[in-house]
């Protein structure tokens, strides 16, 4: 990542700041692509494409386009919980992977916003 600023945060630690794009991908847990959970396909594709990183979150409640509430409540256990995949990387990398997402997402929502990233790296963990 290009950095706008580099500072020492303490001995043997570097703090890097940069501007990036935060991509949020909202899909359902029951969504699949070629027999595999869609969220796993997307994460593996992002890794193969060299994206900086991705995190998958499983929601405990939510609703979408069809206004059906999905919840983990024992009384109404849903098998299609909301899934959120967050990706933060440089704009050119997000632009490069967007067409690949278009190919695999049939139903869902993607949001994008410019963010400031503060990355801490330390020699202590090496």
Protein backbone atom coordinates (compact mmCIF):
# COMPACT_ATOMS: atom_id res chain seq x y z
CA UNK A 1 0.00 0.00 0.00
CA UNK A 2 1.18 3.50 -0.71
CA UNK A 3 1.35 5.52 2.43
CA UNK A 4 0.55 9.16 2.90
CA UNK A 5 2.36 9.23 6.19
CA UNK A 6 4.71 6.97 8.18
CA UNK A 7 5.39 7.50 11.87
CA UNK A 8 7.06 5.55 14.63
CA UNK A 9 4.36 4.50 17.13
CA UNK A 10 6.93 3.19 19.59
CA UNK A 11 10.23 1.37 19.45
CA UNK A 12 10.19 -1.32 16.68
CA UNK A 13 6.70 -0.27 15.53
CA UNK A 14 5.60 1.58 12.42
CA UNK A 15 2.31 3.33 11.83
CA UNK A 16 1.26 3.80 8.19
CA UNK A 17 -1.71 5.83 7.01
CA UNK A 18 -3.28 5.68 3.56
CA UNK A 19 -6.50 6.29 1.70
CA UNK A 20 -8.39 3.24 0.46
CA UNK A 21 -11.83 1.94 -0.48
CA UNK A 22 -13.98 -0.03 1.95
CA UNK A 23 -16.16 -2.48 0.06
CA UNK A 24 -19.07 -4.12 1.89
CA UNK A 25 -20.76 -7.09 0.27
CA UNK A 26 -24.16 -8.09 1.70
CA UNK A 27 -25.36 -11.58 0.74
CA UNK A 28 -27.29 -14.45 2.32
CA UNK A 29 -25.81 -17.46 4.06
CA UNK A 30 -27.74 -19.80 1.74
CA UNK A 31 -26.25 -18.19 -1.42
CA UNK A 32 -24.00 -20.59 -3.33
CA UNK A 33 -21.77 -20.51 -6.40
CA UNK A 34 -20.89 -23.79 -8.13
CA UNK A 35 -21.94 -25.80 -5.07
CA UNK A 36 -19.83 -23.80 -2.60
CA UNK A 37 -21.07 -21.17 -0.12
CA UNK A 38 -20.83 -17.85 -1.99
CA UNK A 39 -19.01 -16.12 0.86
CA UNK A 40 -16.23 -18.74 0.74
CA UNK A 41 -15.98 -18.49 -3.04
CA UNK A 42 -15.67 -14.69 -2.76
CA UNK A 43 -13.03 -14.85 0.01
CA UNK A 44 -10.96 -17.39 -1.94
CA UNK A 45 -11.28 -15.29 -5.11
CA UNK A 46 -10.19 -12.13 -3.24
CA UNK A 47 -7.16 -13.96 -1.85
CA UNK A 48 -6.23 -15.31 -5.29
CA UNK A 49 -6.56 -11.79 -6.73
CA UNK A 50 -4.10 -10.44 -4.15
CA UNK A 51 -6.53 -8.23 -2.25
CA UNK A 52 -5.08 -6.91 1.04
CA UNK A 53 -7.62 -8.77 3.20
CA UNK A 54 -11.25 -9.64 3.78
CA UNK A 55 -13.41 -10.48 6.78
CA UNK A 56 -16.74 -12.33 6.79
CA UNK A 57 -19.38 -11.51 9.42
CA UNK A 58 -22.51 -13.58 10.07
CA UNK A 59 -25.42 -11.46 11.22
CA UNK A 60 -27.70 -12.40 14.11
CA UNK A 61 -30.72 -10.70 12.55
CA UNK A 62 -31.62 -8.79 9.42
CA UNK A 63 -33.89 -8.36 6.44
CA UNK A 64 -33.39 -7.49 2.82
CA UNK A 65 -35.22 -6.87 -0.43
CA UNK A 66 -38.11 -9.24 0.36
CA UNK A 67 -38.56 -7.86 3.92
CA UNK A 68 -38.41 -11.31 5.52
CA UNK A 69 -36.73 -11.06 8.91
CA UNK A 70 -33.99 -13.64 9.41
CA UNK A 71 -32.94 -14.30 12.99
CA UNK A 72 -31.01 -16.77 15.14
CA UNK A 73 -33.91 -16.90 17.63
CA UNK A 74 -34.67 -20.47 18.76
CA UNK A 75 -38.34 -19.94 17.90
CA UNK A 76 -37.57 -18.79 14.34
CA UNK A 77 -34.24 -20.35 13.45
CA UNK A 78 -33.30 -19.19 9.97
CA UNK A 79 -30.98 -21.05 7.62
CA UNK A 80 -30.36 -17.89 5.59
CA UNK A 81 -28.67 -15.48 7.96
CA UNK A 82 -27.23 -12.22 6.62
CA UNK A 83 -23.56 -12.39 5.62
CA UNK A 84 -21.34 -9.31 5.34
CA UNK A 85 -17.92 -9.42 3.68
CA UNK A 86 -15.72 -6.38 4.28
CA UNK A 87 -12.74 -5.62 2.09
CA UNK A 88 -10.42 -2.61 2.37
CA UNK A 89 -7.79 -2.00 -0.30
CA UNK A 90 -6.48 0.55 -2.76
CA UNK A 91 -9.01 1.90 -5.26
CA UNK A 92 -7.28 0.27 -8.25
CA UNK A 93 -7.50 -3.17 -6.59
CA UNK A 94 -11.19 -2.71 -5.79
CA UNK A 95 -11.83 -1.56 -9.37
CA UNK A 96 -10.04 -4.70 -10.64
CA UNK A 97 -12.13 -7.18 -8.61
CA UNK A 98 -15.55 -5.52 -9.04
CA UNK A 99 -16.28 -7.24 -12.42
CA UNK A 100 -15.43 -10.62 -10.87
CA UNK A 101 -17.98 -9.95 -8.11
CA UNK A 102 -20.57 -9.05 -10.77
CA UNK A 103 -20.09 -12.53 -12.25
CA UNK A 104 -20.87 -14.43 -9.03
CA UNK A 105 -23.41 -12.32 -7.10
CA UNK A 106 -26.99 -12.82 -8.29
CA UNK A 107 -28.74 -11.24 -5.33
CA UNK A 108 -27.24 -8.93 -2.76
CA UNK A 109 -25.92 -5.45 -2.18
CA UNK A 110 -22.48 -3.88 -2.44
CA UNK A 111 -21.54 -0.55 -0.87
CA UNK A 112 -18.33 1.39 -1.34
CA UNK A 113 -16.81 4.29 0.54
CA UNK A 114 -13.49 6.08 0.73
CA UNK A 115 -11.74 5.42 4.06
CA UNK A 116 -8.53 6.29 5.86
CA UNK A 117 -6.53 3.23 6.90
CA UNK A 118 -4.17 3.29 9.86
CA UNK A 119 -1.94 0.21 9.70
CA UNK A 120 0.29 -0.75 12.62
CA UNK A 121 3.22 -3.10 12.09
CA UNK A 122 5.62 -4.26 14.75
CA UNK A 123 8.81 -6.32 14.76
CA UNK A 124 7.71 -7.74 18.14
CA UNK A 125 5.49 -10.41 16.51
CA UNK A 126 8.14 -11.60 14.02
